[in-house]
Structures are given as structure tokens and as C-alpha cells.
Amino acid sequence: FFAWQERRIHQKRLEGMKLAAKVIAGFVG
């Protein structure tokens, strides 16, 4: 979290199938 804050970049806000695909891949890992 703190390393991510240092980057000063926010994640893209996704919706629908793109968000579902991102979340599913994250949970698999």
C-alpha cells in the first residue's frame, strides 16, 4: 500500500466485464 502511494498513480476505475475479469484473475493469484 505505501509503495503504491509513493507511485502517486491511481488504478483505472473499471466496470462490468472488465472489472470482473480483473478481480477474478487477482483472486486466482
mmCIF file of all heavy atoms, coordinates in Angstrom:
data_MODEL
# 
_entry.id   MODEL 
# 
loop_
_atom_site.group_PDB 
_atom_site.id 
_atom_site.type_symbol 
_atom_site.label_atom_id 
_atom_site.label_alt_id 
_atom_site.label_comp_id 
_atom_site.label_asym_id 
_atom_site.label_entity_id 
_atom_site.label_seq_id 
_atom_site.pdbx_PDB_ins_code 
_atom_site.Cartn_x 
_atom_site.Cartn_y 
_atom_site.Cartn_z 
_atom_site.occupancy 
_atom_site.B_iso_or_equiv 
_atom_site.pdbx_formal_charge 
_atom_site.auth_seq_id 
_atom_site.auth_comp_id 
_atom_site.auth_asym_id 
_atom_site.auth_atom_id 
_atom_site.pdbx_PDB_model_num 
ATOM 1   N N   . PHE A 1 1  ? 0.837   -1.212  0.000   1.00 0.00 ? 1  PHE A N   1 
ATOM 2   C CA  . PHE A 1 1  ? 0.000   0.000   0.000   1.00 0.00 ? 1  PHE A CA  1 
ATOM 3   C C   . PHE A 1 1  ? 0.869   1.258   0.000   1.00 0.00 ? 1  PHE A C   1 
ATOM 4   O O   . PHE A 1 1  ? 0.652   2.166   -0.815  1.00 0.00 ? 1  PHE A O   1 
ATOM 5   C CB  . PHE A 1 1  ? -0.925  0.000   1.217   1.00 0.00 ? 1  PHE A CB  1 
ATOM 6   C CG  . PHE A 1 1  ? -1.699  1.281   1.377   1.00 0.00 ? 1  PHE A CG  1 
ATOM 7   C CD1 . PHE A 1 1  ? -2.863  1.506   0.646   1.00 0.00 ? 1  PHE A CD1 1 
ATOM 8   C CD2 . PHE A 1 1  ? -1.265  2.275   2.250   1.00 0.00 ? 1  PHE A CD2 1 
ATOM 9   C CE1 . PHE A 1 1  ? -3.573  2.689   0.788   1.00 0.00 ? 1  PHE A CE1 1 
ATOM 10  C CE2 . PHE A 1 1  ? -1.974  3.459   2.388   1.00 0.00 ? 1  PHE A CE2 1 
ATOM 11  C CZ  . PHE A 1 1  ? -3.135  3.668   1.651   1.00 0.00 ? 1  PHE A CZ  1 
ATOM 12  N N   . PHE A 1 2  ? 1.844   1.303   0.907   1.00 0.00 ? 2  PHE A N   1 
ATOM 13  C CA  . PHE A 1 2  ? 2.670   2.506   0.992   1.00 0.00 ? 2  PHE A CA  1 
ATOM 14  C C   . PHE A 1 2  ? 3.564   2.646   -0.244  1.00 0.00 ? 2  PHE A C   1 
ATOM 15  O O   . PHE A 1 2  ? 3.824   3.761   -0.701  1.00 0.00 ? 2  PHE A O   1 
ATOM 16  C CB  . PHE A 1 2  ? 3.507   2.490   2.266   1.00 0.00 ? 2  PHE A CB  1 
ATOM 17  C CG  . PHE A 1 2  ? 2.692   2.698   3.517   1.00 0.00 ? 2  PHE A CG  1 
ATOM 18  C CD1 . PHE A 1 2  ? 2.639   1.739   4.509   1.00 0.00 ? 2  PHE A CD1 1 
ATOM 19  C CD2 . PHE A 1 2  ? 1.953   3.861   3.684   1.00 0.00 ? 2  PHE A CD2 1 
ATOM 20  C CE1 . PHE A 1 2  ? 1.873   1.931   5.647   1.00 0.00 ? 2  PHE A CE1 1 
ATOM 21  C CE2 . PHE A 1 2  ? 1.181   4.067   4.820   1.00 0.00 ? 2  PHE A CE2 1 
ATOM 22  C CZ  . PHE A 1 2  ? 1.144   3.101   5.812   1.00 0.00 ? 2  PHE A CZ  1 
ATOM 23  N N   . ALA A 1 3  ? 4.009   1.523   -0.806  1.00 0.00 ? 3  ALA A N   1 
ATOM 24  C CA  . ALA A 1 3  ? 4.781   1.585   -2.045  1.00 0.00 ? 3  ALA A CA  1 
ATOM 25  C C   . ALA A 1 3  ? 3.913   2.118   -3.182  1.00 0.00 ? 3  ALA A C   1 
ATOM 26  O O   . ALA A 1 3  ? 4.372   2.900   -4.024  1.00 0.00 ? 3  ALA A O   1 
ATOM 27  C CB  . ALA A 1 3  ? 5.331   0.195   -2.396  1.00 0.00 ? 3  ALA A CB  1 
ATOM 28  N N   . TRP A 1 4  ? 2.644   1.690   -3.200  1.00 0.00 ? 4  TRP A N   1 
ATOM 29  C CA  . TRP A 1 4  ? 1.726   2.165   -4.243  1.00 0.00 ? 4  TRP A CA  1 
ATOM 30  C C   . TRP A 1 4  ? 1.460   3.661   -4.102  1.00 0.00 ? 4  TRP A C   1 
ATOM 31  O O   . TRP A 1 4  ? 1.381   4.382   -5.104  1.00 0.00 ? 4  TRP A O   1 
ATOM 32  C CB  . TRP A 1 4  ? 0.423   1.381   -4.177  1.00 0.00 ? 4  TRP A CB  1 
ATOM 33  C CG  . TRP A 1 4  ? -0.494  1.675   -5.332  1.00 0.00 ? 4  TRP A CG  1 
ATOM 34  C CD1 . TRP A 1 4  ? -1.525  2.567   -5.365  1.00 0.00 ? 4  TRP A CD1 1 
ATOM 35  C CD2 . TRP A 1 4  ? -0.441  1.083   -6.626  1.00 0.00 ? 4  TRP A CD2 1 
ATOM 36  N NE1 . TRP A 1 4  ? -2.126  2.563   -6.587  1.00 0.00 ? 4  TRP A NE1 1 
ATOM 37  C CE2 . TRP A 1 4  ? -1.488  1.661   -7.387  1.00 0.00 ? 4  TRP A CE2 1 
ATOM 38  C CE3 . TRP A 1 4  ? 0.373   0.113   -7.216  1.00 0.00 ? 4  TRP A CE3 1 
ATOM 39  C CZ2 . TRP A 1 4  ? -1.723  1.299   -8.718  1.00 0.00 ? 4  TRP A CZ2 1 
ATOM 40  C CZ3 . TRP A 1 4  ? 0.137   -0.246  -8.535  1.00 0.00 ? 4  TRP A CZ3 1 
ATOM 41  C CH2 . TRP A 1 4  ? -0.893  0.344   -9.272  1.00 0.00 ? 4  TRP A CH2 1 
ATOM 42  N N   . GLN A 1 5  ? 1.333   4.137   -2.871  1.00 0.00 ? 5  GLN A N   1 
ATOM 43  C CA  . GLN A 1 5  ? 1.104   5.561   -2.656  1.00 0.00 ? 5  GLN A CA  1 
ATOM 44  C C   . GLN A 1 5  ? 2.285   6.392   -3.135  1.00 0.00 ? 5  GLN A C   1 
ATOM 45  O O   . GLN A 1 5  ? 2.115   7.522   -3.612  1.00 0.00 ? 5  GLN A O   1 
ATOM 46  C CB  . GLN A 1 5  ? 0.830   5.836   -1.174  1.00 0.00 ? 5  GLN A CB  1 
ATOM 47  C CG  . GLN A 1 5  ? -0.441  5.211   -0.623  1.00 0.00 ? 5  GLN A CG  1 
ATOM 48  C CD  . GLN A 1 5  ? -1.671  5.592   -1.414  1.00 0.00 ? 5  GLN A CD  1 
ATOM 49  O OE1 . GLN A 1 5  ? -1.961  6.765   -1.636  1.00 0.00 ? 5  GLN A OE1 1 
ATOM 50  N NE2 . GLN A 1 5  ? -2.417  4.587   -1.856  1.00 0.00 ? 5  GLN A NE2 1 
ATOM 51  N N   . GLU A 1 6  ? 3.489   5.854   -3.018  1.00 0.00 ? 6  GLU A N   1 
ATOM 52  C CA  . GLU A 1 6  ? 4.677   6.568   -3.497  1.00 0.00 ? 6  GLU A CA  1 
ATOM 53  C C   . GLU A 1 6  ? 4.621   6.776   -5.005  1.00 0.00 ? 6  GLU A C   1 
ATOM 54  O O   . GLU A 1 6  ? 5.173   7.753   -5.524  1.00 0.00 ? 6  GLU A O   1 
ATOM 55  C CB  . GLU A 1 6  ? 5.943   5.790   -3.128  1.00 0.00 ? 6  GLU A CB  1 
ATOM 56  C CG  . GLU A 1 6  ? 6.263   5.760   -1.637  1.00 0.00 ? 6  GLU A CG  1 
ATOM 57  C CD  . GLU A 1 6  ? 6.694   7.119   -1.095  1.00 0.00 ? 6  GLU A CD  1 
ATOM 58  O OE1 . GLU A 1 6  ? 7.080   7.993   -1.903  1.00 0.00 ? 6  GLU A OE1 1 
ATOM 59  O OE2 . GLU A 1 6  ? 6.603   7.315   0.130   1.00 0.00 ? 6  GLU A OE2 1 
ATOM 60  N N   . ARG A 1 7  ? 3.971   5.867   -5.718  1.00 0.00 ? 7  ARG A N   1 
ATOM 61  C CA  . ARG A 1 7  ? 3.887   5.980   -7.173  1.00 0.00 ? 7  ARG A CA  1 
ATOM 62  C C   . ARG A 1 7  ? 2.975   7.121   -7.591  1.00 0.00 ? 7  ARG A C   1 
ATOM 63  O O   . ARG A 1 7  ? 3.076   7.619   -8.705  1.00 0.00 ? 7  ARG A O   1 
ATOM 64  C CB  . ARG A 1 7  ? 3.351   4.673   -7.772  1.00 0.00 ? 7  ARG A CB  1 
ATOM 65  C CG  . ARG A 1 7  ? 4.277   3.480   -7.554  1.00 0.00 ? 7  ARG A CG  1 
ATOM 66  C CD  . ARG A 1 7  ? 3.655   2.204   -8.114  1.00 0.00 ? 7  ARG A CD  1 
ATOM 67  N NE  . ARG A 1 7  ? 3.709   2.161   -9.558  1.00 0.00 ? 7  ARG A NE  1 
ATOM 68  C CZ  . ARG A 1 7  ? 2.659   2.201   -10.370 1.00 0.00 ? 7  ARG A CZ  1 
ATOM 69  N NH1 . ARG A 1 7  ? 1.444   2.307   -9.852  1.00 0.00 ? 7  ARG A NH1 1 
ATOM 70  N NH2 . ARG A 1 7  ? 2.795   2.134   -11.675 1.00 0.00 ? 7  ARG A NH2 1 
ATOM 71  N N   . ARG A 1 8  ? 2.047   7.506   -6.702  1.00 0.00 ? 8  ARG A N   1 
ATOM 72  C CA  . ARG A 1 8  ? 1.123   8.616   -6.971  1.00 0.00 ? 8  ARG A CA  1 
ATOM 73  C C   . ARG A 1 8  ? 0.311   8.373   -8.241  1.00 0.00 ? 8  ARG A C   1 
ATOM 74  O O   . ARG A 1 8  ? 0.013   9.283   -8.992  1.00 0.00 ? 8  ARG A O   1 
ATOM 75  C CB  . ARG A 1 8  ? 1.875   9.945   -7.056  1.00 0.00 ? 8  ARG A CB  1 
ATOM 76  C CG  . ARG A 1 8  ? 2.711   10.256  -5.836  1.00 0.00 ? 8  ARG A CG  1 
ATOM 77  C CD  . ARG A 1 8  ? 3.427   11.585  -5.947  1.00 0.00 ? 8  ARG A CD  1 
ATOM 78  N NE  . ARG A 1 8  ? 2.492   12.687  -5.887  1.00 0.00 ? 8  ARG A NE  1 
ATOM 79  C CZ  . ARG A 1 8  ? 2.862   13.985  -5.908  1.00 0.00 ? 8  ARG A CZ  1 
ATOM 80  N NH1 . ARG A 1 8  ? 4.138   14.301  -5.971  1.00 0.00 ? 8  ARG A NH1 1 
ATOM 81  N NH2 . ARG A 1 8  ? 1.959   14.931  -5.860  1.00 0.00 ? 8  ARG A NH2 1 
ATOM 82  N N   . ILE A 1 9  ? -0.043  7.104   -8.469  1.00 0.00 ? 9  ILE A N   1 
ATOM 83  C CA  . ILE A 1 9  ? -0.854  6.733   -9.630  1.00 0.00 ? 9  ILE A CA  1 
ATOM 84  C C   . ILE A 1 9  ? -2.059  5.947   -9.125  1.00 0.00 ? 9  ILE A C   1 
ATOM 85  O O   . ILE A 1 9  ? -1.913  5.028   -8.322  1.00 0.00 ? 9  ILE A O   1 
ATOM 86  C CB  . ILE A 1 9  ? -0.052  5.862   -10.618 1.00 0.00 ? 9  ILE A CB  1 
ATOM 87  C CG1 . ILE A 1 9  ? 1.167   6.644   -11.128 1.00 0.00 ? 9  ILE A CG1 1 
ATOM 88  C CG2 . ILE A 1 9  ? -0.932  5.434   -11.790 1.00 0.00 ? 9  ILE A CG2 1 
ATOM 89  C CD1 . ILE A 1 9  ? 2.076   5.814   -12.013 1.00 0.00 ? 9  ILE A CD1 1 
ATOM 90  N N   . HIS A 1 10 ? -3.219  6.322   -9.595  1.00 0.00 ? 10 HIS A N   1 
ATOM 91  C CA  . HIS A 1 10 ? -4.439  5.619   -9.207  1.00 0.00 ? 10 HIS A CA  1 
ATOM 92  C C   . HIS A 1 10 ? -4.786  4.563   -10.248 1.00 0.00 ? 10 HIS A C   1 
ATOM 93  O O   . HIS A 1 10 ? -4.525  4.732   -11.438 1.00 0.00 ? 10 HIS A O   1 
ATOM 94  C CB  . HIS A 1 10 ? -5.604  6.601   -9.053  1.00 0.00 ? 10 HIS A CB  1 
ATOM 95  C CG  . HIS A 1 10 ? -5.419  7.578   -7.949  1.00 0.00 ? 10 HIS A CG  1 
ATOM 96  N ND1 . HIS A 1 10 ? -5.498  7.229   -6.623  1.00 0.00 ? 10 HIS A ND1 1 
ATOM 97  C CD2 . HIS A 1 10 ? -5.137  8.910   -7.964  1.00 0.00 ? 10 HIS A CD2 1 
ATOM 98  C CE1 . HIS A 1 10 ? -5.280  8.298   -5.867  1.00 0.00 ? 10 HIS A CE1 1 
ATOM 99  N NE2 . HIS A 1 10 ? -5.063  9.326   -6.661  1.00 0.00 ? 10 HIS A NE2 1 
ATOM 100 N N   . GLN A 1 11 ? -5.367  3.478   -9.784  1.00 0.00 ? 11 GLN A N   1 
ATOM 101 C CA  . GLN A 1 11 ? -5.801  2.435   -10.701 1.00 0.00 ? 11 GLN A CA  1 
ATOM 102 C C   . GLN A 1 11 ? -6.964  2.938   -11.549 1.00 0.00 ? 11 GLN A C   1 
ATOM 103 O O   . GLN A 1 11 ? -7.759  3.762   -11.123 1.00 0.00 ? 11 GLN A O   1 
ATOM 104 C CB  . GLN A 1 11 ? -6.248  1.196   -9.918  1.00 0.00 ? 11 GLN A CB  1 
ATOM 105 C CG  . GLN A 1 11 ? -5.167  0.561   -9.074  1.00 0.00 ? 11 GLN A CG  1 
ATOM 106 C CD  . GLN A 1 11 ? -5.705  -0.613  -8.293  1.00 0.00 ? 11 GLN A CD  1 
ATOM 107 O OE1 . GLN A 1 11 ? -5.954  -1.680  -8.844  1.00 0.00 ? 11 GLN A OE1 1 
ATOM 108 N NE2 . GLN A 1 11 ? -5.898  -0.433  -6.991  1.00 0.00 ? 11 GLN A NE2 1 
ATOM 109 N N   . LYS A 1 12 ? -7.064  2.409   -12.748 1.00 0.00 ? 12 LYS A N   1 
ATOM 110 C CA  . LYS A 1 12 ? -8.178  2.751   -13.615 1.00 0.00 ? 12 LYS A CA  1 
ATOM 111 C C   . LYS A 1 12 ? -9.464  2.181   -13.021 1.00 0.00 ? 12 LYS A C   1 
ATOM 112 O O   . LYS A 1 12 ? -9.488  1.047   -12.570 1.00 0.00 ? 12 LYS A O   1 
ATOM 113 C CB  . LYS A 1 12 ? -7.957  2.178   -15.011 1.00 0.00 ? 12 LYS A CB  1 
ATOM 114 C CG  . LYS A 1 12 ? -6.774  2.797   -15.742 1.00 0.00 ? 12 LYS A CG  1 
ATOM 115 C CD  . LYS A 1 12 ? -6.555  2.130   -17.093 1.00 0.00 ? 12 LYS A CD  1 
ATOM 116 C CE  . LYS A 1 12 ? -5.341  2.718   -17.790 1.00 0.00 ? 12 LYS A CE  1 
ATOM 117 N NZ  . LYS A 1 12 ? -5.061  2.039   -19.080 1.00 0.00 ? 12 LYS A NZ  1 
ATOM 118 N N   . ARG A 1 13 ? -10.506 2.973   -13.002 1.00 0.00 ? 13 ARG A N   1 
ATOM 119 C CA  . ARG A 1 13 ? -11.791 2.517   -12.483 1.00 0.00 ? 13 ARG A CA  1 
ATOM 120 C C   . ARG A 1 13 ? -12.522 1.741   -13.581 1.00 0.00 ? 13 ARG A C   1 
ATOM 121 O O   . ARG A 1 13 ? -12.966 2.309   -14.572 1.00 0.00 ? 13 ARG A O   1 
ATOM 122 C CB  . ARG A 1 13 ? -12.637 3.713   -12.019 1.00 0.00 ? 13 ARG A CB  1 
ATOM 123 C CG  . ARG A 1 13 ? -12.037 4.494   -10.847 1.00 0.00 ? 13 ARG A CG  1 
ATOM 124 C CD  . ARG A 1 13 ? -12.001 3.644   -9.598  1.00 0.00 ? 13 ARG A CD  1 
ATOM 125 N NE  . ARG A 1 13 ? -11.462 4.378   -8.471  1.00 0.00 ? 13 ARG A NE  1 
ATOM 126 C CZ  . ARG A 1 13 ? -12.202 5.032   -7.583  1.00 0.00 ? 13 ARG A CZ  1 
ATOM 127 N NH1 . ARG A 1 13 ? -13.521 5.069   -7.710  1.00 0.00 ? 13 ARG A NH1 1 
ATOM 128 N NH2 . ARG A 1 13 ? -11.638 5.663   -6.564  1.00 0.00 ? 13 ARG A NH2 1 
ATOM 129 N N   . LEU A 1 14 ? -12.616 0.436   -13.412 1.00 0.00 ? 14 LEU A N   1 
ATOM 130 C CA  . LEU A 1 14 ? -13.251 -0.423  -14.395 1.00 0.00 ? 14 LEU A CA  1 
ATOM 131 C C   . LEU A 1 14 ? -14.667 -0.786  -13.956 1.00 0.00 ? 14 LEU A C   1 
ATOM 132 O O   . LEU A 1 14 ? -14.994 -0.747  -12.780 1.00 0.00 ? 14 LEU A O   1 
ATOM 133 C CB  . LEU A 1 14 ? -12.429 -1.706  -14.586 1.00 0.00 ? 14 LEU A CB  1 
ATOM 134 C CG  . LEU A 1 14 ? -10.971 -1.521  -15.009 1.00 0.00 ? 14 LEU A CG  1 
ATOM 135 C CD1 . LEU A 1 14 ? -10.277 -2.868  -15.096 1.00 0.00 ? 14 LEU A CD1 1 
ATOM 136 C CD2 . LEU A 1 14 ? -10.861 -0.786  -16.336 1.00 0.00 ? 14 LEU A CD2 1 
ATOM 137 N N   . GLU A 1 15 ? -15.480 -1.164  -14.911 1.00 0.00 ? 15 GLU A N   1 
ATOM 138 C CA  . GLU A 1 15 ? -16.843 -1.599  -14.625 1.00 0.00 ? 15 GLU A CA  1 
ATOM 139 C C   . GLU A 1 15 ? -17.164 -2.837  -15.454 1.00 0.00 ? 15 GLU A C   1 
ATOM 140 O O   . GLU A 1 15 ? -16.454 -3.179  -16.395 1.00 0.00 ? 15 GLU A O   1 
ATOM 141 C CB  . GLU A 1 15 ? -17.848 -0.474  -14.946 1.00 0.00 ? 15 GLU A CB  1 
ATOM 142 C CG  . GLU A 1 15 ? -17.653 0.811   -14.160 1.00 0.00 ? 15 GLU A CG  1 
ATOM 143 C CD  . GLU A 1 15 ? -17.947 0.662   -12.681 1.00 0.00 ? 15 GLU A CD  1 
ATOM 144 O OE1 . GLU A 1 15 ? -18.651 -0.318  -12.322 1.00 0.00 ? 15 GLU A OE1 1 
ATOM 145 O OE2 . GLU A 1 15 ? -17.497 1.502   -11.892 1.00 0.00 ? 15 GLU A OE2 1 
ATOM 146 N N   . GLY A 1 16 ? -18.240 -3.503  -15.095 1.00 0.00 ? 16 GLY A N   1 
ATOM 147 C CA  . GLY A 1 16 ? -18.748 -4.604  -15.892 1.00 0.00 ? 16 GLY A CA  1 
ATOM 148 C C   . GLY A 1 16 ? -17.782 -5.755  -16.048 1.00 0.00 ? 16 GLY A C   1 
ATOM 149 O O   . GLY A 1 16 ? -17.106 -6.175  -15.109 1.00 0.00 ? 16 GLY A O   1 
ATOM 150 N N   . MET A 1 17 ? -17.683 -6.278  -17.274 1.00 0.00 ? 17 MET A N   1 
ATOM 151 C CA  . MET A 1 17 ? -16.883 -7.453  -17.552 1.00 0.00 ? 17 MET A CA  1 
ATOM 152 C C   . MET A 1 17 ? -15.394 -7.202  -17.351 1.00 0.00 ? 17 MET A C   1 
ATOM 153 O O   . MET A 1 17 ? -14.660 -8.107  -16.937 1.00 0.00 ? 17 MET A O   1 
ATOM 154 C CB  . MET A 1 17 ? -17.143 -7.934  -18.980 1.00 0.00 ? 17 MET A CB  1 
ATOM 155 C CG  . MET A 1 17 ? -18.547 -8.470  -19.211 1.00 0.00 ? 17 MET A CG  1 
ATOM 156 S SD  . MET A 1 17 ? -18.939 -9.864  -18.096 1.00 0.00 ? 17 MET A SD  1 
ATOM 157 C CE  . MET A 1 17 ? -17.737 -11.069 -18.627 1.00 0.00 ? 17 MET A CE  1 
ATOM 158 N N   . LYS A 1 18 ? -14.933 -5.999  -17.633 1.00 0.00 ? 18 LYS A N   1 
ATOM 159 C CA  . LYS A 1 18 ? -13.515 -5.697  -17.441 1.00 0.00 ? 18 LYS A CA  1 
ATOM 160 C C   . LYS A 1 18 ? -13.150 -5.778  -15.965 1.00 0.00 ? 18 LYS A C   1 
ATOM 161 O O   . LYS A 1 18 ? -12.095 -6.317  -15.600 1.00 0.00 ? 18 LYS A O   1 
ATOM 162 C CB  . LYS A 1 18 ? -13.187 -4.312  -17.996 1.00 0.00 ? 18 LYS A CB  1 
ATOM 163 C CG  . LYS A 1 18 ? -13.211 -4.235  -19.506 1.00 0.00 ? 18 LYS A CG  1 
ATOM 164 C CD  . LYS A 1 18 ? -12.782 -2.856  -19.996 1.00 0.00 ? 18 LYS A CD  1 
ATOM 165 C CE  . LYS A 1 18 ? -12.754 -2.809  -21.524 1.00 0.00 ? 18 LYS A CE  1 
ATOM 166 N NZ  . LYS A 1 18 ? -12.326 -1.474  -22.017 1.00 0.00 ? 18 LYS A NZ  1 
ATOM 167 N N   . LEU A 1 19 ? -14.007 -5.236  -15.099 1.00 0.00 ? 19 LEU A N   1 
ATOM 168 C CA  . LEU A 1 19 ? -13.765 -5.314  -13.656 1.00 0.00 ? 19 LEU A CA  1 
ATOM 169 C C   . LEU A 1 19 ? -13.828 -6.765  -13.194 1.00 0.00 ? 19 LEU A C   1 
ATOM 170 O O   . LEU A 1 19 ? -12.983 -7.207  -12.402 1.00 0.00 ? 19 LEU A O   1 
ATOM 171 C CB  . LEU A 1 19 ? -14.795 -4.477  -12.903 1.00 0.00 ? 19 LEU A CB  1 
ATOM 172 C CG  . LEU A 1 19 ? -14.734 -4.564  -11.369 1.00 0.00 ? 19 LEU A CG  1 
ATOM 173 C CD1 . LEU A 1 19 ? -13.386 -4.089  -10.855 1.00 0.00 ? 19 LEU A CD1 1 
ATOM 174 C CD2 . LEU A 1 19 ? -15.876 -3.763  -10.734 1.00 0.00 ? 19 LEU A CD2 1 
ATOM 175 N N   . ALA A 1 20 ? -14.821 -7.512  -13.690 1.00 0.00 ? 20 ALA A N   1 
ATOM 176 C CA  . ALA A 1 20 ? -14.968 -8.914  -13.297 1.00 0.00 ? 20 ALA A CA  1 
ATOM 177 C C   . ALA A 1 20 ? -13.731 -9.717  -13.684 1.00 0.00 ? 20 ALA A C   1 
ATOM 178 O O   . ALA A 1 20 ? -13.225 -10.524 -12.891 1.00 0.00 ? 20 ALA A O   1 
ATOM 179 C CB  . ALA A 1 20 ? -16.214 -9.511  -13.954 1.00 0.00 ? 20 ALA A CB  1 
ATOM 180 N N   . ALA A 1 21 ? -13.215 -9.486  -14.888 1.00 0.00 ? 21 ALA A N   1 
ATOM 181 C CA  . ALA A 1 21 ? -12.028 -10.208 -15.346 1.00 0.00 ? 21 ALA A CA  1 
ATOM 182 C C   . ALA A 1 21 ? -10.818 -9.863  -14.486 1.00 0.00 ? 21 ALA A C   1 
ATOM 183 O O   . ALA A 1 21 ? -10.029 -10.740 -14.116 1.00 0.00 ? 21 ALA A O   1 
ATOM 184 C CB  . ALA A 1 21 ? -11.752 -9.868  -16.813 1.00 0.00 ? 21 ALA A CB  1 
ATOM 185 N N   . LYS A 1 22 ? -10.673 -8.579  -14.139 1.00 0.00 ? 22 LYS A N   1 
ATOM 186 C CA  . LYS A 1 22 ? -9.546  -8.152  -13.303 1.00 0.00 ? 22 LYS A CA  1 
ATOM 187 C C   . LYS A 1 22 ? -9.630  -8.789  -11.921 1.00 0.00 ? 22 LYS A C   1 
ATOM 188 O O   . LYS A 1 22 ? -8.628  -9.301  -11.404 1.00 0.00 ? 22 LYS A O   1 
ATOM 189 C CB  . LYS A 1 22 ? -9.552  -6.626  -13.174 1.00 0.00 ? 22 LYS A CB  1 
ATOM 190 C CG  . LYS A 1 22 ? -8.445  -6.086  -12.269 1.00 0.00 ? 22 LYS A CG  1 
ATOM 191 C CD  . LYS A 1 22 ? -8.523  -4.574  -12.131 1.00 0.00 ? 22 LYS A CD  1 
ATOM 192 C CE  . LYS A 1 22 ? -7.418  -4.061  -11.205 1.00 0.00 ? 22 LYS A CE  1 
ATOM 193 N NZ  . LYS A 1 22 ? -7.474  -2.592  -11.027 1.00 0.00 ? 22 LYS A NZ  1 
ATOM 194 N N   . VAL A 1 23 ? -10.806 -8.763  -11.321 1.00 0.00 ? 23 VAL A N   1 
ATOM 195 C CA  . VAL A 1 23 ? -10.979 -9.298  -9.971  1.00 0.00 ? 23 VAL A CA  1 
ATOM 196 C C   . VAL A 1 23 ? -10.767 -10.812 -9.954  1.00 0.00 ? 23 VAL A C   1 
ATOM 197 O O   . VAL A 1 23 ? -10.097 -11.348 -9.059  1.00 0.00 ? 23 VAL A O   1 
ATOM 198 C CB  . VAL A 1 23 ? -12.373 -8.930  -9.431  1.00 0.00 ? 23 VAL A CB  1 
ATOM 199 C CG1 . VAL A 1 23 ? -12.669 -9.695  -8.145  1.00 0.00 ? 23 VAL A CG1 1 
ATOM 200 C CG2 . VAL A 1 23 ? -12.462 -7.424  -9.176  1.00 0.00 ? 23 VAL A CG2 1 
ATOM 201 N N   . ILE A 1 24 ? -11.336 -11.513 -10.934 1.00 0.00 ? 24 ILE A N   1 
ATOM 202 C CA  . ILE A 1 24 ? -11.201 -12.974 -10.974 1.00 0.00 ? 24 ILE A CA  1 
ATOM 203 C C   . ILE A 1 24 ? -9.726  -13.369 -11.112 1.00 0.00 ? 24 ILE A C   1 
ATOM 204 O O   . ILE A 1 24 ? -9.237  -14.258 -10.396 1.00 0.00 ? 24 ILE A O   1 
ATOM 205 C CB  . ILE A 1 24 ? -12.023 -13.563 -12.132 1.00 0.00 ? 24 ILE A CB  1 
ATOM 206 C CG1 . ILE A 1 24 ? -13.524 -13.424 -11.837 1.00 0.00 ? 24 ILE A CG1 1 
ATOM 207 C CG2 . ILE A 1 24 ? -11.663 -15.033 -12.361 1.00 0.00 ? 24 ILE A CG2 1 
ATOM 208 C CD1 . ILE A 1 24 ? -14.425 -13.788 -12.998 1.00 0.00 ? 24 ILE A CD1 1 
ATOM 209 N N   . ALA A 1 25 ? -8.998  -12.702 -11.999 1.00 0.00 ? 25 ALA A N   1 
ATOM 210 C CA  . ALA A 1 25 ? -7.573  -13.007 -12.174 1.00 0.00 ? 25 ALA A CA  1 
ATOM 211 C C   . ALA A 1 25 ? -6.801  -12.727 -10.887 1.00 0.00 ? 25 ALA A C   1 
ATOM 212 O O   . ALA A 1 25 ? -5.897  -13.489 -10.508 1.00 0.00 ? 25 ALA A O   1 
ATOM 213 C CB  . ALA A 1 25 ? -7.001  -12.189 -13.333 1.00 0.00 ? 25 ALA A CB  1 
ATOM 214 N N   . GLY A 1 26 ? -7.169  -11.644 -10.206 1.00 0.00 ? 26 GLY A N   1 
ATOM 215 C CA  . GLY A 1 26 ? -6.498  -11.310 -8.944  1.00 0.00 ? 26 GLY A CA  1 
ATOM 216 C C   . GLY A 1 26 ? -6.731  -12.354 -7.876  1.00 0.00 ? 26 GLY A C   1 
ATOM 217 O O   . GLY A 1 26 ? -5.800  -12.742 -7.156  1.00 0.00 ? 26 GLY A O   1 
ATOM 218 N N   . PHE A 1 27 ? -7.961  -12.843 -7.798  1.00 0.00 ? 27 PHE A N   1 
ATOM 219 C CA  . PHE A 1 27 ? -8.287  -13.852 -6.782  1.00 0.00 ? 27 PHE A CA  1 
ATOM 220 C C   . PHE A 1 27 ? -7.646  -15.203 -7.109  1.00 0.00 ? 27 PHE A C   1 
ATOM 221 O O   . PHE A 1 27 ? -7.314  -15.961 -6.205  1.00 0.00 ? 27 PHE A O   1 
ATOM 222 C CB  . PHE A 1 27 ? -9.795  -14.001 -6.641  1.00 0.00 ? 27 PHE A CB  1 
ATOM 223 C CG  . PHE A 1 27 ? -10.428 -12.943 -5.783  1.00 0.00 ? 27 PHE A CG  1 
ATOM 224 C CD1 . PHE A 1 27 ? -11.580 -12.299 -6.182  1.00 0.00 ? 27 PHE A CD1 1 
ATOM 225 C CD2 . PHE A 1 27 ? -9.856  -12.597 -4.561  1.00 0.00 ? 27 PHE A CD2 1 
ATOM 226 C CE1 . PHE A 1 27 ? -12.159 -11.319 -5.385  1.00 0.00 ? 27 PHE A CE1 1 
ATOM 227 C CE2 . PHE A 1 27 ? -10.429 -11.620 -3.759  1.00 0.00 ? 27 PHE A CE2 1 
ATOM 228 C CZ  . PHE A 1 27 ? -11.574 -10.977 -4.174  1.00 0.00 ? 27 PHE A CZ  1 
ATOM 229 N N   . VAL A 1 28 ? -7.482  -15.506 -8.394  1.00 0.00 ? 28 VAL A N   1 
ATOM 230 C CA  . VAL A 1 28 ? -6.787  -16.736 -8.768  1.00 0.00 ? 28 VAL A CA  1 
ATOM 231 C C   . VAL A 1 28 ? -5.350  -16.697 -8.256  1.00 0.00 ? 28 VAL A C   1 
ATOM 232 O O   . VAL A 1 28 ? -4.855  -17.660 -7.644  1.00 0.00 ? 28 VAL A O   1 
ATOM 233 C CB  . VAL A 1 28 ? -6.807  -16.947 -10.297 1.00 0.00 ? 28 VAL A CB  1 
ATOM 234 C CG1 . VAL A 1 28 ? -5.865  -18.087 -10.694 1.00 0.00 ? 28 VAL A CG1 1 
ATOM 235 C CG2 . VAL A 1 28 ? -8.225  -17.255 -10.774 1.00 0.00 ? 28 VAL A CG2 1 
ATOM 236 N N   . GLY A 1 29 ? -4.671  -15.573 -8.482  1.00 0.00 ? 29 GLY A N   1 
ATOM 237 C CA  . GLY A 1 29 ? -3.303  -15.424 -7.987  1.00 0.00 ? 29 GLY A CA  1 
ATOM 238 C C   . GLY A 1 29 ? -3.237  -15.477 -6.477  1.00 0.00 ? 29 GLY A C   1 
ATOM 239 O O   . GLY A 1 29 ? -2.348  -16.126 -5.911  1.00 0.00 ? 29 GLY A O   1 
# 
